[in-house]
N, C-alpha and C. Protein backbone atom coordinates (compact mmCIF):
# COMPACT_ATOMS: atom_id res chain seq x y z
N UNK A 1 -3.42 -3.32 -6.45
CA UNK A 1 -3.15 -4.81 -6.48
C UNK A 1 -2.12 -5.20 -5.44
N UNK A 2 -0.99 -4.37 -5.58
CA UNK A 2 0.16 -4.73 -4.70
C UNK A 2 -0.30 -4.64 -3.16
N UNK A 3 -1.16 -3.58 -2.95
CA UNK A 3 -1.70 -3.68 -1.70
C UNK A 3 -2.59 -4.68 -1.08
N UNK A 4 -3.42 -5.12 -2.16
CA UNK A 4 -4.33 -6.22 -1.87
C UNK A 4 -3.43 -7.53 -1.54
N UNK A 5 -2.42 -7.76 -2.39
CA UNK A 5 -1.52 -8.79 -2.15
C UNK A 5 -0.99 -8.71 -0.76
N UNK A 6 -0.46 -7.44 -0.34
CA UNK A 6 0.11 -7.38 0.94
C UNK A 6 -0.80 -7.66 2.01
N UNK A 7 -2.03 -7.17 1.97
CA UNK A 7 -3.01 -7.43 2.98
C UNK A 7 -3.33 -9.04 3.18
N UNK A 8 -3.41 -9.54 2.05
CA UNK A 8 -3.88 -11.04 2.00
C UNK A 8 -2.69 -12.04 2.53
N UNK A 9 -1.38 -11.48 2.16
CA UNK A 9 -0.30 -12.10 2.67
C UNK A 9 -0.28 -12.04 4.24
N UNK A 10 -0.46 -10.71 4.55
CA UNK A 10 -0.31 -10.51 6.17
C UNK A 10 -1.37 -11.27 6.93
N UNK A 11 -2.60 -11.47 6.33
CA UNK A 11 -3.47 -12.32 7.02
C UNK A 11 -3.60 -13.67 6.63
N UNK A 12 -2.41 -14.12 6.12
CA UNK A 12 -2.15 -15.69 5.75
C UNK A 12 -3.21 -16.02 4.75
N UNK A 13 -3.43 -15.09 3.84
CA UNK A 13 -4.47 -15.43 2.79
C UNK A 13 -5.90 -15.65 3.14
N UNK A 14 -6.31 -15.04 4.23
CA UNK A 14 -7.55 -15.11 4.70
C UNK A 14 -8.07 -16.49 5.11
N UNK A 15 -6.97 -17.41 5.40
CA UNK A 15 -7.57 -18.84 5.64
C UNK A 15 -8.35 -18.66 7.06
N UNK A 16 -9.39 -19.57 7.07
CA UNK A 16 -10.37 -19.80 8.13
C UNK A 16 -11.43 -18.82 7.76
N UNK A 17 -11.55 -18.01 6.72
CA UNK A 17 -12.67 -17.01 6.42
C UNK A 17 -13.17 -17.46 5.13
N UNK A 18 -14.42 -16.72 4.72
CA UNK A 18 -15.02 -17.05 3.60
C UNK A 18 -14.23 -16.44 2.36
N UNK A 19 -13.27 -15.66 2.63
CA UNK A 19 -12.50 -15.00 1.58
C UNK A 19 -11.38 -15.85 1.18
N UNK A 20 -10.93 -16.82 1.81
CA UNK A 20 -9.81 -17.62 1.52
C UNK A 20 -10.40 -18.82 0.25
N UNK A 21 -9.52 -18.70 -0.77
CA UNK A 21 -9.65 -19.68 -1.72
C UNK A 21 -8.24 -19.90 -2.37
N UNK A 22 -7.85 -21.13 -2.75
CA UNK A 22 -6.58 -21.27 -3.32
C UNK A 22 -6.59 -20.64 -4.63
N UNK A 23 -7.51 -20.58 -5.28
CA UNK A 23 -7.61 -20.05 -6.58
C UNK A 23 -7.19 -18.40 -6.56
N UNK A 24 -7.83 -17.77 -5.64
CA UNK A 24 -7.54 -16.33 -5.39
C UNK A 24 -6.13 -16.08 -5.08
N UNK A 25 -5.57 -17.01 -4.05
CA UNK A 25 -4.22 -16.84 -3.74
C UNK A 25 -3.11 -17.02 -4.81
N UNK A 26 -3.54 -18.00 -5.81
CA UNK A 26 -2.79 -18.23 -6.98
C UNK A 26 -2.77 -17.20 -7.83
N UNK A 27 -4.07 -16.45 -8.11
CA UNK A 27 -4.25 -15.38 -9.10
C UNK A 27 -3.58 -13.99 -8.34
N UNK A 28 -3.55 -13.92 -7.19
CA UNK A 28 -2.89 -12.68 -6.72
C UNK A 28 -1.29 -12.85 -6.85
N UNK A 29 -0.90 -14.01 -6.40
CA UNK A 29 0.59 -14.30 -6.59
C UNK A 29 0.97 -14.18 -8.08
N UNK A 30 0.25 -14.61 -8.98
CA UNK A 30 0.61 -14.43 -10.32
C UNK A 30 0.58 -13.04 -10.97
N UNK A 31 -0.63 -12.14 -10.37
CA UNK A 31 -0.48 -10.85 -10.70
C UNK A 31 0.78 -9.90 -10.17
N UNK A 32 1.18 -10.52 -8.89
CA UNK A 32 2.25 -9.75 -8.18
C UNK A 32 3.42 -10.09 -9.06
N UNK A 33 3.70 -11.38 -9.46
CA UNK A 33 5.02 -11.58 -10.42
C UNK A 33 4.80 -11.08 -11.52
N UNK A 34 3.78 -10.81 -12.29
CA UNK A 34 3.53 -10.00 -13.50
C UNK A 34 4.01 -8.59 -13.41
N UNK A 35 3.50 -7.95 -12.28
CA UNK A 35 3.77 -6.59 -11.97
C UNK A 35 5.22 -6.46 -11.66
N UNK A 36 5.90 -7.34 -10.79
CA UNK A 36 7.30 -7.47 -10.57
C UNK A 36 8.19 -7.44 -11.77
N UNK A 37 7.74 -8.20 -12.78
CA UNK A 37 8.49 -8.46 -14.13
C UNK A 37 8.65 -7.01 -14.82
N UNK A 38 7.59 -6.10 -14.53
CA UNK A 38 7.77 -4.91 -15.35
C UNK A 38 8.72 -3.92 -14.75
N UNK A 39 9.20 -3.99 -13.67
CA UNK A 39 9.94 -3.07 -12.82
C UNK A 39 11.35 -3.74 -12.39
N UNK A 40 12.21 -2.73 -12.03
CA UNK A 40 13.40 -3.22 -11.38
C UNK A 40 13.12 -3.47 -10.00
N UNK A 41 14.08 -4.25 -9.35
CA UNK A 41 13.72 -4.38 -7.86
C UNK A 41 13.44 -3.25 -6.98
N UNK A 42 14.33 -2.06 -7.03
CA UNK A 42 14.30 -0.78 -6.65
C UNK A 42 12.77 -0.30 -6.91
N UNK A 43 12.38 -0.16 -8.10
CA UNK A 43 11.15 0.40 -8.45
C UNK A 43 9.91 -0.49 -7.73
N UNK A 44 10.14 -1.86 -7.84
CA UNK A 44 9.13 -2.55 -7.15
C UNK A 44 8.97 -2.36 -5.84
N UNK A 45 10.01 -2.46 -5.09
CA UNK A 45 9.81 -2.12 -3.50
C UNK A 45 9.43 -0.69 -3.26
N UNK A 46 9.65 0.23 -4.15
CA UNK A 46 9.11 1.65 -3.99
C UNK A 46 7.66 1.48 -4.21
N UNK A 47 7.06 0.67 -5.00
CA UNK A 47 5.56 0.39 -5.52
C UNK A 47 5.04 -0.19 -4.36
N UNK A 48 5.57 -1.07 -3.75
CA UNK A 48 5.05 -1.89 -2.63
C UNK A 48 4.96 -0.90 -1.30
N UNK A 49 5.83 -0.10 -1.07
CA UNK A 49 5.89 0.80 0.04
C UNK A 49 4.88 1.93 -0.15
N UNK A 50 4.98 2.69 -1.38
CA UNK A 50 4.38 3.82 -1.53
C UNK A 50 3.08 3.83 -2.61
N UNK A 51 2.62 2.62 -2.75
CA UNK A 51 1.46 2.51 -3.78
C UNK A 51 1.73 3.01 -5.20
N UNK A 52 1.84 4.19 -5.37
CA UNK A 52 2.31 4.94 -6.64
C UNK A 52 3.66 5.07 -6.90
N UNK A 53 4.55 4.46 -6.06
CA UNK A 53 5.97 4.69 -6.16
C UNK A 53 6.75 5.87 -5.61
N UNK A 54 5.75 6.86 -5.27
CA UNK A 54 6.41 7.90 -4.47
C UNK A 54 5.32 8.13 -3.30
N UNK A 55 6.08 8.69 -2.24
CA UNK A 55 5.18 8.86 -0.95
C UNK A 55 3.92 9.86 -1.19
N UNK A 56 3.30 9.92 -0.26
CA UNK A 56 1.99 10.88 -0.43
C UNK A 56 2.36 12.21 -0.15
N UNK A 57 3.41 12.40 0.54
CA UNK A 57 4.06 13.91 0.73
C UNK A 57 4.53 14.24 -0.73
N UNK A 58 5.13 13.46 -1.35
CA UNK A 58 5.86 13.92 -2.64
C UNK A 58 4.92 14.11 -3.60
N UNK A 59 3.67 13.02 -3.58
CA UNK A 59 2.43 13.41 -4.51
C UNK A 59 1.87 14.64 -4.34
N UNK A 60 1.67 15.12 -3.11
CA UNK A 60 1.02 16.44 -2.75
C UNK A 60 1.90 17.51 -3.26
N UNK A 61 3.16 17.31 -3.22
CA UNK A 61 4.15 18.54 -3.76
C UNK A 61 4.08 18.50 -5.11
N UNK A 62 4.06 17.37 -5.84
CA UNK A 62 3.87 17.37 -7.25
C UNK A 62 2.57 17.90 -7.85
N UNK A 63 1.40 17.82 -7.04
CA UNK A 63 0.17 18.35 -7.34
C UNK A 63 0.04 19.80 -6.80
N UNK A 64 0.96 20.21 -6.20
CA UNK A 64 0.86 21.56 -5.81
C UNK A 64 -0.09 21.58 -4.46
N UNK A 65 -0.07 20.63 -3.75
CA UNK A 65 -1.01 20.68 -2.53
C UNK A 65 -0.09 20.43 -1.39
N UNK A 66 0.95 21.02 -1.22
CA UNK A 66 1.67 20.90 -0.04
C UNK A 66 1.17 21.38 1.23
N UNK A 67 0.57 22.70 0.98
CA UNK A 67 0.08 23.31 2.33
C UNK A 67 -1.26 22.49 2.80
N UNK A 68 -2.00 21.77 1.73
CA UNK A 68 -3.13 21.03 2.30
C UNK A 68 -2.68 19.88 2.92
N UNK A 69 -1.61 19.14 2.40
CA UNK A 69 -0.99 18.18 3.00
C UNK A 69 -0.50 18.48 4.50
N UNK A 70 0.35 19.20 4.48
CA UNK A 70 0.87 19.88 5.79
C UNK A 70 -0.28 20.03 6.85
N UNK A 71 -1.14 20.69 6.46
CA UNK A 71 -2.28 21.00 7.44
C UNK A 71 -3.05 19.61 7.78
N UNK A 72 -3.30 18.93 6.81
CA UNK A 72 -4.01 17.42 7.16
C UNK A 72 -3.19 16.67 7.88
N UNK A 73 -1.96 16.61 7.62
CA UNK A 73 -1.06 15.55 8.17
C UNK A 73 -0.98 16.02 9.69
N UNK A 74 -0.79 17.28 9.96
CA UNK A 74 -0.55 17.59 11.30
C UNK A 74 -2.06 17.38 12.25
N UNK A 75 -3.21 17.50 11.66
CA UNK A 75 -4.33 17.07 12.27
C UNK A 75 -4.54 15.51 12.41
N UNK A 76 -4.22 14.85 11.45
CA UNK A 76 -4.31 13.30 11.54
C UNK A 76 -3.24 12.79 12.41
N UNK A 77 -1.97 13.38 12.40
CA UNK A 77 -0.89 12.72 13.35
C UNK A 77 -1.23 13.31 14.88
N UNK A 78 -1.80 14.38 14.85
CA UNK A 78 -2.29 14.63 16.47
C UNK A 78 -3.24 13.77 16.91
N UNK A 79 -4.27 13.50 15.89
CA UNK A 79 -5.44 12.61 16.57
C UNK A 79 -5.04 11.23 16.77
N UNK A 80 -4.05 10.67 15.86
CA UNK A 80 -3.45 9.15 16.06
C UNK A 80 -2.68 9.25 17.28
N UNK A 81 -1.96 10.10 17.47
CA UNK A 81 -1.22 10.37 18.91
C UNK A 81 -1.98 10.23 20.05
N UNK A 82 -3.24 11.03 20.03
CA UNK A 82 -3.98 11.12 21.03
C UNK A 82 -4.68 9.62 21.33
N UNK A 83 -5.03 9.00 20.24
CA UNK A 83 -5.56 7.63 20.45
C UNK A 83 -4.73 6.61 20.74
N UNK A 84 -3.35 6.91 20.78
CA UNK A 84 -2.45 5.89 21.13
C UNK A 84 -2.19 6.10 22.90
N UNK A 85 -2.95 6.97 23.37
CA UNK A 85 -2.66 7.01 24.83
C UNK A 85 -3.50 6.03 25.66
């Protein structure tokens, strides 16, 4: 939900598209406020940044998938770097 709010906010709540509605904006802001109320400021900021509160790298480590993460990250980061040229 927080990721949806972030995307909507970044696109000015989809104004000018068929996705925009005042009710949708209010509903998203209400849900964000409700989620914010459950966590400390630090925890909430971490959730916003990392979706589940911890980075993808840390989640892979906890799940015992560090080798898979390392191999995938190298391939992905190399491909992203190439496409930046």
